[in-house]
């Protein structure tokens, strides 16, 4: 009489163990996620908050995936992080991406031919900031000045030399100060440097904060210098900083610009590239609003400033499908 009772107890115990085991397996399966790191730049620039917005969108809309934006030294550093597999995606200036893929400039001895572009996101404008009391009016007046250009591995530091050289200045004519953008604005406020050279979206948060504490002015890049740059370097374009972009700026300021790109390497699958872009473009208006970038991810600009050989196969498929 007792056997059926004990058998029932054993059956119940066995069932509980199996159920717990299955639940444990399911729980472990739910914990299995793929992590993607997005390299950006300094926290006070534009790349980090935009990278954060992209990461949140990907994490919220794709199952079993977590994307994280990481602050870095900037575009040049991101090339090396991609090369070493330490990040999966990166925000990067078009000039740095071009030079890395082609093996020119700072990458003449170390090209990253596997670098691929997912999308051209928005225009980045070169913004040269001085104190309002400064005698510096145009880029040629920077002769004999100390200029903060961001971290040594930032894109700003690289294109600053191109722009200054095109303006007729030699390296001996000025002193470059390499420091993070956060510190650069403080250096200008404190009078340690004469100008801050920054490449990024308008308005730049760091410059907005600086203008709230110090009277500043933006330096003009003359049209003839713009034309020379555009002719020599295909990734440059003439730009204007609209009036009112910063406190006290009554008039638009003529300048030069590049493009901010979302890049990766050939190791990212076509499937992942397509679904990442789908989420980004579905959420582009939210990302633009969160970061005050009005022209973020316009489809007509998706390959602006990008050589055709640099486009990721998944990006080609995504934009071909979306165009139908």
Protein backbone atom coordinates (compact mmCIF):
# COMPACT_ATOMS: atom_id res chain seq x y z
CA UNK A 1 0.00 0.00 0.00
CA UNK A 2 2.90 2.31 0.67
CA UNK A 3 4.67 1.76 -2.66
CA UNK A 4 2.26 3.86 -4.75
CA UNK A 5 2.54 6.65 -2.16
CA UNK A 6 6.33 6.65 -2.24
CA UNK A 7 6.28 6.36 -6.01
CA UNK A 8 4.03 9.39 -6.18
CA UNK A 9 6.36 11.35 -3.88
CA UNK A 10 9.39 10.35 -5.95
CA UNK A 11 7.56 11.29 -9.14
CA UNK A 12 6.67 14.68 -7.71
CA UNK A 13 10.26 15.31 -6.60
CA UNK A 14 11.58 14.25 -10.01
CA UNK A 15 9.05 16.49 -11.74
CA UNK A 16 10.07 19.45 -9.59
CA UNK A 17 13.72 18.84 -10.35
CA UNK A 18 13.05 18.65 -14.09
CA UNK A 19 10.85 21.75 -13.96
CA UNK A 20 13.46 23.67 -11.98
CA UNK A 21 16.12 22.53 -14.40
CA UNK A 22 14.07 23.69 -17.39
CA UNK A 23 13.28 26.98 -15.71
CA UNK A 24 16.98 27.40 -14.95
CA UNK A 25 17.83 26.73 -18.58
CA UNK A 26 15.21 29.24 -19.71
CA UNK A 27 16.56 31.79 -17.24
CA UNK A 28 20.07 31.26 -18.52
CA UNK A 29 18.84 31.60 -22.08
CA UNK A 30 17.19 34.89 -21.19
CA UNK A 31 20.51 36.14 -19.87
CA UNK A 32 22.34 35.37 -23.09
CA UNK A 33 22.73 38.69 -24.90
CA UNK A 34 25.14 40.04 -27.47
CA UNK A 35 26.98 43.18 -26.45
CA UNK A 36 27.98 45.86 -28.95
CA UNK A 37 30.30 48.71 -28.04
CA UNK A 38 30.03 52.05 -29.87
CA UNK A 39 33.18 54.19 -29.76
CA UNK A 40 32.44 57.92 -29.55
CA UNK A 41 34.68 60.78 -28.32
CA UNK A 42 34.89 63.03 -25.26
CA UNK A 43 31.83 63.33 -23.02
CA UNK A 44 31.41 67.08 -23.63
CA UNK A 45 31.44 66.76 -27.41
CA UNK A 46 28.62 65.64 -29.72
CA UNK A 47 29.60 62.04 -30.45
CA UNK A 48 29.09 60.70 -26.94
CA UNK A 49 25.45 61.83 -26.46
CA UNK A 50 24.54 60.81 -30.02
CA UNK A 51 26.24 57.44 -29.49
CA UNK A 52 24.22 57.06 -26.29
CA UNK A 53 20.98 57.76 -28.17
CA UNK A 54 21.86 55.22 -30.85
CA UNK A 55 22.83 52.64 -28.21
CA UNK A 56 19.54 53.11 -26.34
CA UNK A 57 17.55 52.73 -29.56
CA UNK A 58 19.34 49.52 -30.52
CA UNK A 59 19.02 48.03 -27.02
CA UNK A 60 15.32 48.91 -26.77
CA UNK A 61 14.31 47.61 -30.19
CA UNK A 62 16.44 44.50 -30.78
CA UNK A 63 16.01 41.34 -28.71
CA UNK A 64 18.93 39.80 -26.82
CA UNK A 65 21.17 42.75 -27.64
CA UNK A 66 22.77 45.41 -25.48
CA UNK A 67 24.57 48.35 -27.08
CA UNK A 68 26.79 50.67 -25.04
CA UNK A 69 28.33 54.02 -26.02
CA UNK A 70 31.88 54.42 -24.77
CA UNK A 71 33.77 57.72 -24.47
CA UNK A 72 37.14 57.68 -26.28
CA UNK A 73 39.88 60.06 -27.36
CA UNK A 74 38.14 60.53 -30.73
CA UNK A 75 38.10 59.40 -34.35
CA UNK A 76 41.77 58.45 -34.73
CA UNK A 77 41.70 56.41 -31.53
CA UNK A 78 38.48 54.71 -32.71
CA UNK A 79 40.27 53.42 -35.81
CA UNK A 80 42.70 51.55 -33.57
CA UNK A 81 39.93 50.27 -31.29
CA UNK A 82 38.13 48.89 -34.35
CA UNK A 83 41.34 47.33 -35.62
CA UNK A 84 41.86 45.52 -32.30
CA UNK A 85 38.21 44.49 -32.00
CA UNK A 86 37.78 46.52 -28.80
CA UNK A 87 34.69 48.26 -30.21
CA UNK A 88 32.15 47.06 -32.78
CA UNK A 89 30.86 50.36 -34.15
CA UNK A 90 32.14 53.91 -34.12
CA UNK A 91 31.15 57.47 -34.80
CA UNK A 92 33.92 58.91 -36.93
CA UNK A 93 34.74 61.97 -39.00
CA UNK A 94 34.63 61.36 -42.74
CA UNK A 95 38.22 62.56 -43.26
CA UNK A 96 39.61 60.12 -40.69
CA UNK A 97 37.55 57.21 -42.07
CA UNK A 98 38.70 58.06 -45.61
CA UNK A 99 42.36 58.25 -44.63
CA UNK A 100 42.23 55.04 -42.58
CA UNK A 101 40.58 53.06 -45.38
CA UNK A 102 42.92 54.47 -48.05
CA UNK A 103 46.09 54.26 -45.96
CA UNK A 104 47.01 57.93 -46.19
CA UNK A 105 47.77 60.70 -43.69
CA UNK A 106 48.32 59.31 -40.18
CA UNK A 107 47.52 55.80 -41.50
CA UNK A 108 50.07 55.63 -44.31
CA UNK A 109 51.85 52.76 -42.55
CA UNK A 110 48.76 51.19 -40.98
CA UNK A 111 45.67 51.26 -43.22
CA UNK A 112 42.41 49.72 -42.03
CA UNK A 113 41.09 48.48 -45.35
CA UNK A 114 38.38 46.44 -43.63
CA UNK A 115 36.77 49.65 -42.29
CA UNK A 116 33.26 50.00 -43.66
CA UNK A 117 30.63 52.77 -43.49
CA UNK A 118 27.06 52.06 -42.41
CA UNK A 119 25.74 55.59 -42.93
CA UNK A 120 26.66 59.24 -43.22
CA UNK A 121 24.74 60.82 -40.35
CA UNK A 122 25.07 64.62 -40.33
CA UNK A 123 27.36 67.55 -41.13
CA UNK A 124 30.16 68.48 -38.76
CA UNK A 125 31.34 72.05 -38.93
CA UNK A 126 34.77 73.38 -37.97
CA UNK A 127 34.17 75.90 -35.20
CA UNK A 128 37.08 78.12 -34.19
CA UNK A 129 36.23 79.90 -30.95
CA UNK A 130 38.01 82.89 -29.41
CA UNK A 131 37.20 85.32 -26.61
CA UNK A 132 35.13 88.27 -27.84
CA UNK A 133 37.95 90.66 -26.92
CA UNK A 134 40.43 88.80 -29.16
CA UNK A 135 41.98 90.48 -32.21
CA UNK A 136 41.64 87.21 -34.16
CA UNK A 137 39.06 87.76 -36.91
CA UNK A 138 39.87 85.17 -39.60
CA UNK A 139 41.82 81.94 -39.66
CA UNK A 140 44.96 83.69 -40.95
CA UNK A 141 45.11 85.70 -37.72
CA UNK A 142 45.96 82.53 -35.77
CA UNK A 143 49.65 83.03 -36.56
CA UNK A 144 51.60 83.14 -33.30
CA UNK A 145 48.67 81.74 -31.29
CA UNK A 146 48.16 78.81 -28.94
CA UNK A 147 45.31 76.71 -30.32
CA UNK A 148 43.56 73.93 -28.42
CA UNK A 149 42.59 71.18 -30.86
CA UNK A 150 41.27 68.40 -28.62
CA UNK A 151 42.96 65.10 -27.81
CA UNK A 152 45.91 64.13 -30.00
CA UNK A 153 43.91 61.18 -31.36
CA UNK A 154 40.83 63.24 -32.15
CA UNK A 155 39.68 64.03 -35.69
CA UNK A 156 39.85 67.76 -34.91
CA UNK A 157 43.57 67.52 -34.21
CA UNK A 158 44.19 65.91 -37.60
CA UNK A 159 42.13 68.23 -39.81
CA UNK A 160 43.30 71.33 -37.92
CA UNK A 161 46.73 70.96 -39.52
CA UNK A 162 45.18 70.54 -42.99
CA UNK A 163 43.03 73.64 -42.59
CA UNK A 164 45.77 75.80 -41.07
CA UNK A 165 48.25 74.75 -43.77
CA UNK A 166 45.74 75.56 -46.51
CA UNK A 167 45.32 78.99 -44.87
CA UNK A 168 49.04 79.56 -45.40
CA UNK A 169 50.26 78.84 -41.88
CA UNK A 170 53.24 76.60 -41.19
CA UNK A 171 53.53 74.38 -38.08
CA UNK A 172 56.13 76.80 -36.72
CA UNK A 173 53.59 79.65 -36.94
CA UNK A 174 51.39 78.37 -34.10
CA UNK A 175 51.37 76.08 -31.09
CA UNK A 176 48.87 73.24 -30.88
CA UNK A 177 47.64 72.29 -27.43
CA UNK A 178 46.33 68.75 -27.12
CA UNK A 179 43.66 68.35 -24.43
CA UNK A 180 40.15 67.01 -24.13
CA UNK A 181 37.39 69.30 -25.34
CA UNK A 182 36.13 69.68 -21.77
CA UNK A 183 39.48 71.09 -20.71
CA UNK A 184 39.93 73.09 -23.93
CA UNK A 185 36.95 75.34 -23.24
CA UNK A 186 38.25 75.95 -19.71
CA UNK A 187 41.68 76.81 -21.12
CA UNK A 188 40.12 79.46 -23.37
CA UNK A 189 38.08 80.90 -20.52
CA UNK A 190 41.18 81.07 -18.31
CA UNK A 191 43.31 82.65 -21.04
CA UNK A 192 45.71 79.72 -21.32
CA UNK A 193 45.01 79.35 -25.07
CA UNK A 194 44.05 81.92 -27.71
CA UNK A 195 41.56 79.74 -29.59
CA UNK A 196 39.68 76.45 -29.48
CA UNK A 197 39.43 74.50 -32.73
CA UNK A 198 36.54 72.04 -32.71
CA UNK A 199 34.93 69.89 -35.40
CA UNK A 200 31.38 68.81 -34.59
CA UNK A 201 27.66 69.35 -34.84
CA UNK A 202 26.05 72.71 -34.17
CA UNK A 203 25.44 73.61 -31.42
CA UNK A 204 28.26 71.90 -29.51
CA UNK A 205 27.34 71.46 -25.86
CA UNK A 206 30.80 72.47 -24.63
CA UNK A 207 30.71 75.73 -26.62
CA UNK A 208 27.16 76.44 -25.44
CA UNK A 209 28.31 76.12 -21.83
CA UNK A 210 31.37 78.24 -22.49
CA UNK A 211 29.25 80.99 -24.09
CA UNK A 212 27.03 81.04 -20.99
CA UNK A 213 30.06 81.93 -18.84
CA UNK A 214 32.35 83.86 -21.20
CA UNK A 215 31.82 86.25 -24.10
CA UNK A 216 33.02 84.42 -27.20
CA UNK A 217 33.25 84.90 -30.94
CA UNK A 218 33.52 82.48 -33.88
CA UNK A 219 36.32 82.89 -36.43
CA UNK A 220 35.59 83.03 -40.17
CA UNK A 221 37.12 80.57 -42.64
CA UNK A 222 37.36 82.71 -45.82
CA UNK A 223 35.71 81.46 -49.00
CA UNK A 224 38.99 81.13 -50.93
CA UNK A 225 40.36 78.79 -48.25
CA UNK A 226 37.13 76.78 -48.34
CA UNK A 227 37.42 76.38 -52.11
CA UNK A 228 41.03 75.19 -51.86
CA UNK A 229 40.13 72.63 -49.20
CA UNK A 230 37.14 71.27 -51.13
CA UNK A 231 39.25 70.97 -54.28
CA UNK A 232 42.11 69.14 -52.55
CA UNK A 233 40.15 66.96 -50.11
CA UNK A 234 36.89 65.34 -51.34
CA UNK A 235 35.49 64.92 -47.82
CA UNK A 236 35.31 68.70 -47.11
CA UNK A 237 32.34 70.93 -47.91
CA UNK A 238 31.54 74.63 -47.41
CA UNK A 239 29.34 75.21 -44.36
CA UNK A 240 27.80 78.04 -42.36
CA UNK A 241 27.27 78.36 -38.61
CA UNK A 242 23.76 79.89 -38.37
CA UNK A 243 23.23 83.10 -36.46
CA UNK A 244 22.11 82.49 -32.89
CA UNK A 245 23.79 79.10 -32.63
CA UNK A 246 25.54 80.43 -29.53
CA UNK A 247 24.78 83.22 -27.09
CA UNK A 248 25.90 86.55 -28.49
CA UNK A 249 26.31 85.29 -32.08
CA UNK A 250 24.28 87.80 -34.10
CA UNK A 251 25.50 86.86 -37.61
CA UNK A 252 26.10 83.59 -39.49
CA UNK A 253 29.75 82.55 -39.69
CA UNK A 254 31.24 81.03 -42.84
CA UNK A 255 33.28 77.86 -42.29
CA UNK A 256 34.19 74.43 -43.64
CA UNK A 257 32.85 71.04 -42.65
CA UNK A 258 32.97 67.26 -42.90
CA UNK A 259 30.48 64.47 -42.23
CA UNK A 260 29.93 62.36 -39.14
CA UNK A 261 29.82 58.69 -40.12
CA UNK A 262 28.68 55.52 -38.40
CA UNK A 263 31.37 52.97 -39.23
CA UNK A 264 32.25 49.37 -38.46
CA UNK A 265 34.39 46.67 -40.08
CA UNK A 266 33.77 43.82 -42.51
CA UNK A 267 33.33 41.48 -39.53
CA UNK A 268 29.85 42.89 -38.83
CA UNK A 269 27.36 40.63 -40.61
CA UNK A 270 25.11 41.91 -43.38
CA UNK A 271 22.09 40.89 -41.29
CA UNK A 272 23.21 42.93 -38.27
CA UNK A 273 24.11 45.93 -40.41
CA UNK A 274 20.63 45.94 -41.96
CA UNK A 275 18.75 45.65 -38.69
CA UNK A 276 20.93 48.27 -36.95
CA UNK A 277 20.22 50.76 -39.74
CA UNK A 278 16.51 49.93 -39.69
CA UNK A 279 16.30 50.83 -36.01
CA UNK A 280 18.41 53.98 -36.37
CA UNK A 281 16.38 55.35 -39.27
CA UNK A 282 13.08 54.45 -37.61
CA UNK A 283 14.21 56.45 -34.57
CA UNK A 284 16.14 59.19 -36.37
CA UNK A 285 13.72 61.99 -35.42
CA UNK A 286 13.98 61.08 -31.73
CA UNK A 287 17.79 60.87 -31.89
CA UNK A 288 17.91 64.26 -33.66
CA UNK A 289 15.60 65.87 -31.10
CA UNK A 290 17.56 64.46 -28.15
CA UNK A 291 20.80 65.92 -29.51
CA UNK A 292 19.60 69.08 -31.31
CA UNK A 293 20.93 67.81 -34.66
CA UNK A 294 18.24 68.83 -37.13
CA UNK A 295 19.72 67.07 -40.19
CA UNK A 296 20.46 63.72 -38.54
CA UNK A 297 20.20 60.66 -40.83
CA UNK A 298 18.52 62.16 -43.88
CA UNK A 299 18.25 59.38 -46.46
CA UNK A 300 19.37 61.69 -49.27
CA UNK A 301 22.65 62.20 -47.38
CA UNK A 302 23.19 58.55 -46.38
CA UNK A 303 26.45 58.23 -48.38
CA UNK A 304 27.50 61.89 -48.49
CA UNK A 305 31.26 62.23 -48.08
CA UNK A 306 31.76 58.46 -48.51
CA UNK A 307 33.74 56.63 -51.18
CA UNK A 308 31.66 53.83 -52.76
CA UNK A 309 34.29 51.20 -51.93
CA UNK A 310 33.92 51.97 -48.22
CA UNK A 311 30.20 51.18 -47.96
CA UNK A 312 29.25 48.06 -45.96
CA UNK A 313 27.35 45.40 -47.94
CA UNK A 314 24.55 45.44 -45.35
CA UNK A 315 24.17 49.20 -45.76
CA UNK A 316 23.86 48.80 -49.54
CA UNK A 317 21.12 46.19 -49.08
CA UNK A 318 19.26 48.29 -46.51
CA UNK A 319 19.18 51.48 -48.60
CA UNK A 320 18.33 49.57 -51.79
CA UNK A 321 15.34 47.95 -50.06
CA UNK A 322 14.19 51.18 -48.42
CA UNK A 323 14.31 53.01 -51.74
CA UNK A 324 11.69 50.68 -53.26
